[in-house]
Amino acid sequence: MTAHRTLVLVRHGRTAWNAEQRAQGHSDVPLDEVGHRQAAALAPAIAALSPVSLRTSDLTRARQTAAYLAEATGLVPVEDPRLREYDLGLRTGMTMPEYAEAFPDEYAAFRQGRYEVVPGGESTAEVVARVCEAACESFEALTPGECGVVVAHGAALKVSVVSLLGWDESQAATLQGLDNCGWVVLDDSGHDWRLRLVAYNRTAPDFASPSPIG
């Protein structure tokens, strides 16, 4: 049997804004103390998969998470701005309760995944196009039996996983958000070598957490 190529998609560790349920988008917020501990716990689990490549969003919270993986694996992270979270435009920095109170109709659509309602924000199609392009480049560079790792952001990863699997975009609503430092495993063992979902939202022991946007 031909060995499968494997792609691991990792959400960054927690930030203070995650804990406050504050929309992060492209804001460059670092990991908080919990986020550093999550990333440290994540690193040996990912290293055990023997990855040969490591790509990360260029935002600080993702780069800091990737630094723990780099130390555990000996890989050099490649920064890629295409892996950033949704740009949340004028709503960046608002807490979810503040958003709901100030713009109730827009907030209701936002919570349904219609991020294009955000003034100055990105659409799902725009995010999927750039994230999937970067993820596919990582995957296609692998040879059979190899594993690649991508570190990115919760909302962007969820909709991109749906696209990578060839599902209808409406299926994103059936997936819960990834926990901080939660990861997804895809491989090419599906029918006609299409990508298959192997695991979703795996976390290191004792570090399951709520998953607000960002």
N, C-alpha and C. Protein backbone atom coordinates (compact mmCIF):
# COMPACT_ATOMS: atom_id res chain seq x y z
N MET A 1 0.83 -1.20 0.00
CA MET A 1 0.00 0.00 0.00
C MET A 1 0.87 1.26 0.00
N THR A 2 0.43 2.29 -0.72
CA THR A 2 1.16 3.56 -0.77
C THR A 2 0.97 4.32 0.53
N ALA A 3 2.05 4.84 1.09
CA ALA A 3 1.94 5.62 2.31
C ALA A 3 1.23 6.93 2.01
N HIS A 4 0.47 7.40 2.99
CA HIS A 4 -0.31 8.61 2.81
C HIS A 4 0.49 9.86 3.18
N ARG A 5 0.19 10.94 2.52
CA ARG A 5 0.67 12.26 2.94
C ARG A 5 -0.31 12.81 3.96
N THR A 6 0.21 13.48 4.96
CA THR A 6 -0.63 13.97 6.05
C THR A 6 -0.41 15.46 6.27
N LEU A 7 -1.51 16.19 6.44
CA LEU A 7 -1.45 17.62 6.72
C LEU A 7 -2.12 17.87 8.08
N VAL A 8 -1.39 18.53 8.98
CA VAL A 8 -1.90 18.85 10.31
C VAL A 8 -2.11 20.36 10.39
N LEU A 9 -3.33 20.76 10.69
CA LEU A 9 -3.70 22.18 10.78
C LEU A 9 -3.92 22.53 12.24
N VAL A 10 -3.17 23.48 12.76
CA VAL A 10 -3.16 23.80 14.19
C VAL A 10 -3.67 25.21 14.42
N ARG A 11 -4.57 25.36 15.39
CA ARG A 11 -4.94 26.71 15.82
C ARG A 11 -3.95 27.17 16.90
N HIS A 12 -3.65 28.45 16.90
CA HIS A 12 -2.72 29.03 17.87
C HIS A 12 -3.23 28.90 19.31
N GLY A 13 -2.34 29.13 20.27
CA GLY A 13 -2.70 29.13 21.68
C GLY A 13 -3.53 30.35 22.08
N ARG A 14 -3.99 30.34 23.30
CA ARG A 14 -4.91 31.38 23.79
C ARG A 14 -4.21 32.73 23.92
N THR A 15 -4.96 33.78 23.68
CA THR A 15 -4.52 35.15 23.94
C THR A 15 -5.46 35.77 24.96
N ALA A 16 -5.06 36.92 25.49
CA ALA A 16 -5.95 37.64 26.41
C ALA A 16 -7.25 38.01 25.71
N TRP A 17 -7.17 38.34 24.44
CA TRP A 17 -8.39 38.69 23.71
C TRP A 17 -9.30 37.47 23.53
N ASN A 18 -8.74 36.28 23.34
CA ASN A 18 -9.57 35.08 23.32
C ASN A 18 -10.33 34.95 24.63
N ALA A 19 -9.61 35.12 25.73
CA ALA A 19 -10.22 34.96 27.05
C ALA A 19 -11.32 35.99 27.28
N GLU A 20 -11.18 37.16 26.67
CA GLU A 20 -12.17 38.23 26.81
C GLU A 20 -13.27 38.16 25.76
N GLN A 21 -13.24 37.15 24.90
CA GLN A 21 -14.18 37.01 23.78
C GLN A 21 -14.15 38.27 22.91
N ARG A 22 -12.96 38.71 22.60
CA ARG A 22 -12.77 39.93 21.81
C ARG A 22 -12.33 39.55 20.40
N ALA A 23 -12.96 40.13 19.41
CA ALA A 23 -12.65 39.83 18.01
C ALA A 23 -11.22 40.26 17.67
N GLN A 24 -10.39 39.33 17.21
CA GLN A 24 -8.99 39.63 16.96
C GLN A 24 -8.70 39.97 15.51
N GLY A 25 -9.21 39.16 14.59
CA GLY A 25 -8.93 39.43 13.19
C GLY A 25 -7.44 39.51 12.91
N HIS A 26 -7.01 40.59 12.25
CA HIS A 26 -5.61 40.79 11.91
C HIS A 26 -4.83 41.51 12.99
N SER A 27 -5.46 41.82 14.13
CA SER A 27 -4.74 42.47 15.22
C SER A 27 -3.63 41.53 15.71
N ASP A 28 -2.51 42.10 16.11
CA ASP A 28 -1.34 41.28 16.41
C ASP A 28 -1.20 41.08 17.92
N VAL A 29 -2.05 40.26 18.47
CA VAL A 29 -2.12 40.02 19.91
C VAL A 29 -1.25 38.80 20.26
N PRO A 30 -0.40 38.89 21.27
CA PRO A 30 0.46 37.74 21.63
C PRO A 30 -0.29 36.72 22.48
N LEU A 31 0.32 35.57 22.65
CA LEU A 31 -0.21 34.56 23.56
C LEU A 31 -0.20 35.07 24.99
N ASP A 32 -1.19 34.64 25.78
CA ASP A 32 -1.13 34.91 27.21
C ASP A 32 -0.44 33.73 27.91
N GLU A 33 -0.40 33.74 29.23
CA GLU A 33 0.29 32.69 29.96
C GLU A 33 -0.29 31.32 29.65
N VAL A 34 -1.62 31.25 29.61
CA VAL A 34 -2.26 29.97 29.27
C VAL A 34 -1.89 29.54 27.87
N GLY A 35 -1.88 30.48 26.94
CA GLY A 35 -1.52 30.16 25.56
C GLY A 35 -0.13 29.59 25.43
N HIS A 36 0.82 30.14 26.18
CA HIS A 36 2.18 29.59 26.16
C HIS A 36 2.19 28.16 26.71
N ARG A 37 1.44 27.91 27.77
CA ARG A 37 1.40 26.56 28.33
C ARG A 37 0.71 25.59 27.37
N GLN A 38 -0.31 26.06 26.67
CA GLN A 38 -0.97 25.21 25.67
C GLN A 38 0.00 24.84 24.55
N ALA A 39 0.74 25.83 24.07
CA ALA A 39 1.68 25.57 22.98
C ALA A 39 2.80 24.63 23.41
N ALA A 40 3.26 24.78 24.67
CA ALA A 40 4.30 23.89 25.18
C ALA A 40 3.78 22.46 25.28
N ALA A 41 2.50 22.31 25.67
CA ALA A 41 1.91 20.97 25.76
C ALA A 41 1.64 20.37 24.39
N LEU A 42 1.32 21.24 23.43
CA LEU A 42 1.05 20.81 22.07
C LEU A 42 2.31 20.26 21.39
N ALA A 43 3.43 20.90 21.62
CA ALA A 43 4.65 20.63 20.85
C ALA A 43 5.05 19.16 20.80
N PRO A 44 5.12 18.44 21.93
CA PRO A 44 5.53 17.03 21.82
C PRO A 44 4.53 16.16 21.08
N ALA A 45 3.25 16.51 21.17
CA ALA A 45 2.25 15.73 20.44
C ALA A 45 2.43 15.88 18.93
N ILE A 46 2.72 17.09 18.48
CA ILE A 46 2.95 17.30 17.05
C ILE A 46 4.30 16.72 16.63
N ALA A 47 5.32 16.87 17.47
CA ALA A 47 6.63 16.32 17.15
C ALA A 47 6.57 14.81 16.98
N ALA A 48 5.68 14.15 17.71
CA ALA A 48 5.54 12.69 17.62
C ALA A 48 5.06 12.25 16.24
N LEU A 49 4.50 13.18 15.47
CA LEU A 49 4.05 12.86 14.11
C LEU A 49 5.19 12.96 13.10
N SER A 50 6.37 13.37 13.55
CA SER A 50 7.57 13.48 12.70
C SER A 50 7.34 14.36 11.47
N PRO A 51 6.85 15.58 11.65
CA PRO A 51 6.62 16.44 10.49
C PRO A 51 7.93 16.84 9.81
N VAL A 52 7.83 17.12 8.51
CA VAL A 52 9.00 17.53 7.74
C VAL A 52 8.91 19.00 7.33
N SER A 53 7.77 19.64 7.58
CA SER A 53 7.63 21.05 7.23
C SER A 53 6.72 21.73 8.24
N LEU A 54 6.93 23.04 8.39
CA LEU A 54 6.17 23.83 9.36
C LEU A 54 5.94 25.21 8.76
N ARG A 55 4.68 25.54 8.53
CA ARG A 55 4.31 26.84 7.98
C ARG A 55 3.37 27.51 8.97
N THR A 56 3.47 28.84 9.09
CA THR A 56 2.65 29.55 10.08
C THR A 56 2.17 30.89 9.56
N SER A 57 1.01 31.29 10.03
CA SER A 57 0.57 32.68 9.88
C SER A 57 1.66 33.59 10.43
N ASP A 58 1.73 34.80 9.87
CA ASP A 58 2.76 35.74 10.34
C ASP A 58 2.31 36.56 11.55
N LEU A 59 1.08 36.35 12.04
CA LEU A 59 0.63 37.07 13.23
C LEU A 59 1.29 36.49 14.48
N THR A 60 1.55 37.34 15.46
CA THR A 60 2.36 36.95 16.61
C THR A 60 1.84 35.72 17.33
N ARG A 61 0.55 35.62 17.55
CA ARG A 61 0.00 34.48 18.30
C ARG A 61 0.26 33.16 17.60
N ALA A 62 0.25 33.17 16.28
CA ALA A 62 0.57 31.95 15.53
C ALA A 62 2.07 31.69 15.52
N ARG A 63 2.86 32.75 15.31
CA ARG A 63 4.33 32.58 15.29
C ARG A 63 4.85 32.07 16.63
N GLN A 64 4.29 32.59 17.72
CA GLN A 64 4.73 32.11 19.04
C GLN A 64 4.36 30.65 19.24
N THR A 65 3.20 30.25 18.78
CA THR A 65 2.81 28.84 18.86
C THR A 65 3.75 27.98 18.02
N ALA A 66 4.03 28.44 16.81
CA ALA A 66 4.92 27.69 15.93
C ALA A 66 6.33 27.58 16.49
N ALA A 67 6.75 28.56 17.28
CA ALA A 67 8.10 28.52 17.86
C ALA A 67 8.26 27.32 18.78
N TYR A 68 7.22 26.97 19.52
CA TYR A 68 7.28 25.78 20.37
C TYR A 68 7.39 24.52 19.52
N LEU A 69 6.66 24.48 18.40
CA LEU A 69 6.74 23.33 17.51
C LEU A 69 8.12 23.24 16.86
N ALA A 70 8.68 24.40 16.52
CA ALA A 70 10.01 24.42 15.91
C ALA A 70 11.05 23.85 16.87
N GLU A 71 10.95 24.24 18.12
CA GLU A 71 11.92 23.75 19.11
C GLU A 71 11.81 22.24 19.29
N ALA A 72 10.57 21.72 19.26
CA ALA A 72 10.36 20.29 19.47
C ALA A 72 10.71 19.45 18.25
N THR A 73 10.62 20.04 17.06
CA THR A 73 10.82 19.26 15.83
C THR A 73 12.14 19.55 15.13
N GLY A 74 12.77 20.68 15.46
CA GLY A 74 13.98 21.09 14.75
C GLY A 74 13.70 21.74 13.40
N LEU A 75 12.41 21.99 13.10
CA LEU A 75 12.06 22.61 11.82
C LEU A 75 12.13 24.13 11.91
N VAL A 76 12.33 24.76 10.79
CA VAL A 76 12.33 26.22 10.71
C VAL A 76 10.96 26.67 10.19
N PRO A 77 10.20 27.43 10.96
CA PRO A 77 8.87 27.85 10.50
C PRO A 77 8.97 28.81 9.31
N VAL A 78 8.12 28.62 8.35
CA VAL A 78 7.99 29.52 7.21
C VAL A 78 6.76 30.39 7.44
N GLU A 79 6.94 31.70 7.52
CA GLU A 79 5.82 32.61 7.77
C GLU A 79 5.07 32.88 6.47
N ASP A 80 3.74 32.88 6.56
CA ASP A 80 2.91 33.06 5.37
C ASP A 80 1.69 33.90 5.73
N PRO A 81 1.62 35.14 5.27
CA PRO A 81 0.48 36.01 5.62
C PRO A 81 -0.86 35.51 5.08
N ARG A 82 -0.83 34.59 4.11
CA ARG A 82 -2.09 34.04 3.61
C ARG A 82 -2.82 33.23 4.67
N LEU A 83 -2.12 32.84 5.71
CA LEU A 83 -2.72 32.00 6.77
C LEU A 83 -3.33 32.83 7.89
N ARG A 84 -3.43 34.13 7.71
CA ARG A 84 -4.03 34.97 8.75
C ARG A 84 -5.52 34.66 8.95
N GLU A 85 -6.01 35.12 10.11
CA GLU A 85 -7.43 35.03 10.42
C GLU A 85 -8.22 35.95 9.49
N TYR A 86 -9.55 35.81 9.50
CA TYR A 86 -10.41 36.78 8.84
C TYR A 86 -10.00 38.20 9.26
N ASP A 87 -10.00 39.11 8.32
CA ASP A 87 -9.92 40.53 8.66
C ASP A 87 -11.32 40.94 9.13
N LEU A 88 -11.44 41.39 10.36
CA LEU A 88 -12.74 41.74 10.92
C LEU A 88 -13.02 43.24 10.90
N GLY A 89 -12.27 43.96 10.09
CA GLY A 89 -12.58 45.33 9.80
C GLY A 89 -12.87 46.19 11.01
N LEU A 90 -13.98 46.92 10.97
CA LEU A 90 -14.33 47.87 12.02
C LEU A 90 -14.76 47.21 13.32
N ARG A 91 -14.96 45.90 13.32
CA ARG A 91 -15.37 45.22 14.54
C ARG A 91 -14.18 44.63 15.31
N THR A 92 -13.00 44.76 14.76
CA THR A 92 -11.80 44.29 15.45
C THR A 92 -11.67 44.98 16.80
N GLY A 93 -11.45 44.19 17.83
CA GLY A 93 -11.28 44.72 19.17
C GLY A 93 -12.54 44.74 20.01
N MET A 94 -13.71 44.55 19.39
CA MET A 94 -14.95 44.54 20.15
C MET A 94 -15.13 43.18 20.82
N THR A 95 -15.68 43.18 22.02
CA THR A 95 -16.08 41.90 22.62
C THR A 95 -17.39 41.45 21.98
N MET A 96 -17.68 40.17 22.08
CA MET A 96 -18.92 39.67 21.50
C MET A 96 -20.15 40.31 22.16
N PRO A 97 -20.20 40.49 23.50
CA PRO A 97 -21.35 41.19 24.08
C PRO A 97 -21.48 42.63 23.58
N GLU A 98 -20.36 43.34 23.43
CA GLU A 98 -20.40 44.70 22.90
C GLU A 98 -20.95 44.71 21.48
N TYR A 99 -20.50 43.78 20.68
CA TYR A 99 -20.94 43.67 19.29
C TYR A 99 -22.45 43.39 19.24
N ALA A 100 -22.89 42.44 20.05
CA ALA A 100 -24.31 42.07 20.05
C ALA A 100 -25.20 43.24 20.45
N GLU A 101 -24.74 44.03 21.40
CA GLU A 101 -25.54 45.16 21.87
C GLU A 101 -25.55 46.31 20.86
N ALA A 102 -24.41 46.58 20.26
CA ALA A 102 -24.30 47.73 19.36
C ALA A 102 -24.92 47.47 17.98
N PHE A 103 -24.77 46.26 17.47
CA PHE A 103 -25.22 45.94 16.11
C PHE A 103 -25.92 44.57 16.11
N PRO A 104 -27.10 44.47 16.72
CA PRO A 104 -27.72 43.15 16.94
C PRO A 104 -28.00 42.36 15.65
N ASP A 105 -28.49 43.02 14.61
CA ASP A 105 -28.80 42.28 13.38
C ASP A 105 -27.52 41.81 12.69
N GLU A 106 -26.55 42.70 12.62
CA GLU A 106 -25.27 42.32 12.02
C GLU A 106 -24.61 41.21 12.82
N TYR A 107 -24.66 41.33 14.14
CA TYR A 107 -24.05 40.31 15.00
C TYR A 107 -24.70 38.95 14.78
N ALA A 108 -26.02 38.91 14.63
CA ALA A 108 -26.71 37.63 14.40
C ALA A 108 -26.21 36.97 13.12
N ALA A 109 -26.02 37.78 12.06
CA ALA A 109 -25.49 37.23 10.81
C ALA A 109 -24.04 36.78 10.98
N PHE A 110 -23.27 37.57 11.70
CA PHE A 110 -21.87 37.24 11.97
C PHE A 110 -21.75 35.89 12.67
N ARG A 111 -22.59 35.67 13.67
CA ARG A 111 -22.53 34.41 14.42
C ARG A 111 -22.97 33.22 13.58
N GLN A 112 -23.65 33.48 12.48
CA GLN A 112 -24.02 32.41 11.55
C GLN A 112 -22.92 32.16 10.51
N GLY A 113 -21.78 32.84 10.68
CA GLY A 113 -20.67 32.66 9.76
C GLY A 113 -20.66 33.58 8.57
N ARG A 114 -21.55 34.59 8.56
CA ARG A 114 -21.61 35.53 7.44
C ARG A 114 -20.73 36.74 7.77
N TYR A 115 -19.43 36.50 7.76
CA TYR A 115 -18.48 37.53 8.19
C TYR A 115 -18.41 38.70 7.21
N GLU A 116 -18.93 38.50 6.01
CA GLU A 116 -18.89 39.58 5.03
C GLU A 116 -19.77 40.76 5.42
N VAL A 117 -20.64 40.59 6.43
CA VAL A 117 -21.48 41.70 6.89
C VAL A 117 -20.66 42.73 7.66
N VAL A 118 -19.46 42.37 8.10
CA VAL A 118 -18.62 43.27 8.89
C VAL A 118 -18.08 44.39 7.99
N PRO A 119 -18.30 45.64 8.33
CA PRO A 119 -17.74 46.73 7.51
C PRO A 119 -16.22 46.65 7.44
N GLY A 120 -15.71 46.55 6.23
CA GLY A 120 -14.27 46.46 6.03
C GLY A 120 -13.71 45.07 6.23
N GLY A 121 -14.56 44.09 6.48
CA GLY A 121 -14.09 42.72 6.73
C GLY A 121 -14.00 41.89 5.47
N GLU A 122 -13.44 40.70 5.61
CA GLU A 122 -13.29 39.77 4.49
C GLU A 122 -14.47 38.83 4.39
N SER A 123 -14.75 38.39 3.19
CA SER A 123 -15.74 37.34 2.98
C SER A 123 -15.12 35.97 3.20
N THR A 124 -15.97 34.98 3.42
CA THR A 124 -15.48 33.61 3.56
C THR A 124 -14.76 33.16 2.29
N ALA A 125 -15.27 33.54 1.13
CA ALA A 125 -14.64 33.14 -0.12
C ALA A 125 -13.21 33.66 -0.21
N GLU A 126 -12.99 34.90 0.23
CA GLU A 126 -11.65 35.48 0.18
C GLU A 126 -10.71 34.75 1.13
N VAL A 127 -11.19 34.44 2.34
CA VAL A 127 -10.36 33.75 3.32
C VAL A 127 -10.03 32.34 2.86
N VAL A 128 -11.03 31.62 2.39
CA VAL A 128 -10.81 30.25 1.93
C VAL A 128 -9.81 30.22 0.78
N ALA A 129 -9.91 31.17 -0.13
CA ALA A 129 -9.01 31.18 -1.29
C ALA A 129 -7.56 31.28 -0.86
N ARG A 130 -7.26 32.18 0.07
CA ARG A 130 -5.85 32.36 0.44
C ARG A 130 -5.35 31.28 1.38
N VAL A 131 -6.17 30.87 2.36
CA VAL A 131 -5.73 29.85 3.31
C VAL A 131 -5.56 28.50 2.61
N CYS A 132 -6.52 28.14 1.77
CA CYS A 132 -6.42 26.85 1.08
C CYS A 132 -5.25 26.83 0.10
N GLU A 133 -4.97 27.95 -0.52
CA GLU A 133 -3.81 28.00 -1.42
C GLU A 133 -2.53 27.70 -0.66
N ALA A 134 -2.36 28.33 0.51
CA ALA A 134 -1.16 28.10 1.31
C ALA A 134 -1.11 26.67 1.83
N ALA A 135 -2.25 26.17 2.32
CA ALA A 135 -2.30 24.81 2.86
C ALA A 135 -2.02 23.77 1.77
N CYS A 136 -2.58 23.99 0.59
CA CYS A 136 -2.35 23.05 -0.51
C CYS A 136 -0.89 23.05 -0.95
N GLU A 137 -0.24 24.19 -0.94
CA GLU A 137 1.18 24.24 -1.27
C GLU A 137 1.98 23.40 -0.28
N SER A 138 1.64 23.50 1.00
CA SER A 138 2.32 22.69 2.01
C SER A 138 2.10 21.21 1.77
N PHE A 139 0.86 20.86 1.45
CA PHE A 139 0.52 19.45 1.25
C PHE A 139 1.19 18.90 0.00
N GLU A 140 1.14 19.65 -1.08
CA GLU A 140 1.67 19.15 -2.35
C GLU A 140 3.19 19.03 -2.34
N ALA A 141 3.84 19.72 -1.42
CA ALA A 141 5.30 19.59 -1.31
C ALA A 141 5.72 18.31 -0.61
N LEU A 142 4.77 17.60 0.00
CA LEU A 142 5.08 16.36 0.72
C LEU A 142 5.21 15.20 -0.24
N THR A 143 6.02 14.23 0.14
CA THR A 143 6.08 12.95 -0.57
C THR A 143 5.34 11.91 0.26
N PRO A 144 4.96 10.77 -0.34
CA PRO A 144 4.21 9.77 0.41
C PRO A 144 4.91 9.39 1.72
N GLY A 145 4.12 9.36 2.79
CA GLY A 145 4.63 9.03 4.10
C GLY A 145 5.04 10.24 4.93
N GLU A 146 5.07 11.44 4.30
CA GLU A 146 5.49 12.63 5.02
C GLU A 146 4.31 13.38 5.62
N CYS A 147 4.62 14.21 6.62
CA CYS A 147 3.63 15.00 7.34
C CYS A 147 4.07 16.47 7.32
N GLY A 148 3.13 17.35 7.05
CA GLY A 148 3.38 18.79 7.12
C GLY A 148 2.45 19.44 8.13
N VAL A 149 2.90 20.52 8.75
CA VAL A 149 2.13 21.21 9.79
C VAL A 149 1.92 22.67 9.38
N VAL A 150 0.69 23.15 9.58
CA VAL A 150 0.33 24.53 9.32
C VAL A 150 -0.29 25.11 10.59
N VAL A 151 0.19 26.27 11.03
CA VAL A 151 -0.34 26.93 12.23
C VAL A 151 -1.10 28.18 11.77
N ALA A 152 -2.37 28.26 12.14
CA ALA A 152 -3.19 29.38 11.69
C ALA A 152 -4.23 29.74 12.75
N HIS A 153 -5.45 30.04 12.33
CA HIS A 153 -6.45 30.66 13.21
C HIS A 153 -7.79 29.95 13.12
N GLY A 154 -8.57 30.06 14.19
CA GLY A 154 -9.77 29.24 14.35
C GLY A 154 -10.81 29.35 13.26
N ALA A 155 -11.34 30.54 13.04
CA ALA A 155 -12.41 30.69 12.06
C ALA A 155 -11.92 30.39 10.65
N ALA A 156 -10.74 30.89 10.32
CA ALA A 156 -10.18 30.67 8.98
C ALA A 156 -9.93 29.18 8.73
N LEU A 157 -9.47 28.47 9.74
CA LEU A 157 -9.23 27.04 9.58
C LEU A 157 -10.52 26.26 9.41
N LYS A 158 -11.54 26.60 10.17
CA LYS A 158 -12.78 25.84 10.09
C LYS A 158 -13.37 25.87 8.69
N VAL A 159 -13.49 27.06 8.11
CA VAL A 159 -14.08 27.15 6.77
C VAL A 159 -13.15 26.56 5.72
N SER A 160 -11.85 26.62 5.95
CA SER A 160 -10.89 26.08 4.99
C SER A 160 -10.88 24.56 5.00
N VAL A 161 -11.06 23.96 6.18
CA VAL A 161 -11.16 22.50 6.24
C VAL A 161 -12.34 22.01 5.40
N VAL A 162 -13.46 22.70 5.51
CA VAL A 162 -14.64 22.34 4.72
C VAL A 162 -14.33 22.39 3.23
N SER A 163 -13.64 23.43 2.80
CA SER A 163 -13.28 23.55 1.39
C SER A 163 -12.28 22.50 0.96
N LEU A 164 -11.26 22.26 1.78
CA LEU A 164 -10.24 21.26 1.44
C LEU A 164 -10.83 19.86 1.27
N LEU A 165 -11.88 19.58 2.02
CA LEU A 165 -12.53 18.28 1.94
C LEU A 165 -13.55 18.19 0.81
N GLY A 166 -13.80 19.32 0.15
CA GLY A 166 -14.77 19.33 -0.94
C GLY A 166 -16.20 19.34 -0.49
N TRP A 167 -16.45 19.70 0.76
CA TRP A 167 -17.81 19.77 1.27
C TRP A 167 -18.47 21.07 0.83
N ASP A 168 -19.80 21.09 0.86
CA ASP A 168 -20.53 22.33 0.63
C ASP A 168 -20.22 23.31 1.76
N GLU A 169 -20.08 24.59 1.44
CA GLU A 169 -19.68 25.56 2.45
C GLU A 169 -20.66 25.65 3.62
N SER A 170 -21.92 25.25 3.40
CA SER A 170 -22.89 25.28 4.49
C SER A 170 -22.54 24.30 5.61
N GLN A 171 -21.70 23.31 5.29
CA GLN A 171 -21.33 22.31 6.29
C GLN A 171 -20.43 22.88 7.38
N ALA A 172 -19.88 24.08 7.17
CA ALA A 172 -19.06 24.70 8.22
C ALA A 172 -19.87 24.87 9.50
N ALA A 173 -21.18 25.08 9.35
CA ALA A 173 -22.03 25.29 10.53
C ALA A 173 -22.17 24.02 11.37
N THR A 174 -21.81 22.87 10.80
CA THR A 174 -21.92 21.61 11.56
C THR A 174 -20.65 21.28 12.32
N LEU A 175 -19.61 22.09 12.16
CA LEU A 175 -18.35 21.88 12.89
C LEU A 175 -18.24 22.89 14.03
N GLN A 176 -17.86 22.42 15.21
CA GLN A 176 -17.58 23.37 16.27
C GLN A 176 -16.26 24.07 15.98
N GLY A 177 -16.07 25.23 16.61
CA GLY A 177 -14.80 25.92 16.44
C GLY A 177 -13.67 25.14 17.09
N LEU A 178 -12.47 25.29 16.55
CA LEU A 178 -11.31 24.63 17.15
C LEU A 178 -10.96 25.28 18.48
N ASP A 179 -10.60 24.47 19.46
CA ASP A 179 -10.07 25.00 20.71
C ASP A 179 -8.69 25.62 20.45
N ASN A 180 -8.25 26.50 21.33
CA ASN A 180 -6.89 27.00 21.23
C ASN A 180 -5.91 25.84 21.31
N CYS A 181 -4.99 25.78 20.36
CA CYS A 181 -4.04 24.68 20.19
C CYS A 181 -4.72 23.35 19.87
N GLY A 182 -5.95 23.43 19.40
CA GLY A 182 -6.58 22.24 18.82
C GLY A 182 -6.06 22.02 17.41
N TRP A 183 -6.06 20.77 16.96
CA TRP A 183 -5.54 20.51 15.61
C TRP A 183 -6.42 19.55 14.84
N VAL A 184 -6.28 19.65 13.51
CA VAL A 184 -7.01 18.84 12.54
C VAL A 184 -5.99 18.00 11.78
N VAL A 185 -6.35 16.75 11.49
CA VAL A 185 -5.49 15.89 10.69
C VAL A 185 -6.23 15.51 9.41
N LEU A 186 -5.61 15.79 8.27
CA LEU A 186 -6.11 15.39 6.96
C LEU A 186 -5.07 14.51 6.29
N ASP A 187 -5.52 13.55 5.50
CA ASP A 187 -4.57 12.82 4.66
C ASP A 187 -5.21 12.47 3.34
N ASP A 188 -4.42 11.91 2.42
CA ASP A 188 -4.93 11.64 1.07
C ASP A 188 -5.30 10.18 0.89
N SER A 189 -5.90 9.59 1.92
CA SER A 189 -6.31 8.19 1.84
C SER A 189 -7.76 8.04 1.39
N GLY A 190 -8.41 9.15 1.03
CA GLY A 190 -9.80 9.08 0.60
C GLY A 190 -9.94 8.50 -0.80
N HIS A 191 -11.18 8.37 -1.25
CA HIS A 191 -11.47 7.82 -2.57
C HIS A 191 -10.79 8.67 -3.64
N ASP A 192 -10.13 8.02 -4.58
CA ASP A 192 -9.38 8.71 -5.65
C ASP A 192 -8.35 9.66 -5.08
N TRP A 193 -7.80 9.34 -3.92
CA TRP A 193 -6.74 10.10 -3.28
C TRP A 193 -7.18 11.50 -2.86
N ARG A 194 -8.47 11.68 -2.69
CA ARG A 194 -8.96 12.96 -2.17
C ARG A 194 -8.64 13.04 -0.68
N LEU A 195 -8.58 14.27 -0.18
CA LEU A 195 -8.30 14.45 1.24
C LEU A 195 -9.42 13.88 2.09
N ARG A 196 -9.02 13.29 3.20
CA ARG A 196 -9.96 12.66 4.13
C ARG A 196 -9.72 13.27 5.51
N LEU A 197 -10.81 13.49 6.24
CA LEU A 197 -10.72 13.98 7.61
C LEU A 197 -10.40 12.81 8.53
N VAL A 198 -9.22 12.86 9.14
CA VAL A 198 -8.77 11.80 10.04
C VAL A 198 -9.11 12.14 11.50
N ALA A 199 -8.94 13.41 11.86
CA ALA A 199 -9.22 13.83 13.24
C ALA A 199 -9.54 15.32 13.23
N TYR A 200 -10.39 15.73 14.18
CA TYR A 200 -10.78 17.14 14.27
C TYR A 200 -10.77 17.57 15.73
N ASN A 201 -10.13 18.69 15.99
CA ASN A 201 -10.07 19.31 17.31
C ASN A 201 -9.43 18.41 18.37
N ARG A 202 -8.33 17.78 17.99
CA ARG A 202 -7.53 17.09 19.00
C ARG A 202 -6.81 18.13 19.85
N THR A 203 -6.66 17.87 21.14
CA THR A 203 -5.95 18.78 22.02
C THR A 203 -5.03 17.99 22.94
N ALA A 204 -3.99 18.66 23.40
CA ALA A 204 -3.12 18.05 24.42
C ALA A 204 -3.93 17.88 25.70
N PRO A 205 -3.62 16.89 26.54
CA PRO A 205 -4.37 16.65 27.76
C PRO A 205 -4.48 17.91 28.62
N ASP A 206 -5.69 18.12 29.18
CA ASP A 206 -5.95 19.20 30.14
C ASP A 206 -6.00 20.58 29.51
N PHE A 207 -6.05 20.65 28.16
CA PHE A 207 -6.07 21.98 27.56
C PHE A 207 -7.21 22.16 26.55
N ALA A 208 -8.38 21.59 26.80
CA ALA A 208 -9.54 21.96 26.02
C ALA A 208 -10.01 23.33 26.51
N SER A 209 -10.47 24.19 25.59
CA SER A 209 -10.85 25.55 25.96
C SER A 209 -11.94 26.05 25.06
N PRO A 210 -12.68 27.10 25.49
CA PRO A 210 -13.66 27.72 24.61
C PRO A 210 -12.97 28.26 23.37
N SER A 211 -13.74 28.47 22.29
CA SER A 211 -13.09 28.85 21.02
C SER A 211 -13.73 30.08 20.40
N PRO A 212 -13.58 31.26 21.01
CA PRO A 212 -14.07 32.47 20.37
C PRO A 212 -13.31 32.80 19.10
N ILE A 213 -13.84 33.73 18.34
CA ILE A 213 -13.26 34.07 17.04
C ILE A 213 -11.82 34.53 17.20
N GLY A 214 -10.95 34.08 16.28
CA GLY A 214 -9.60 34.62 16.25
C GLY A 214 -8.50 33.66 16.26
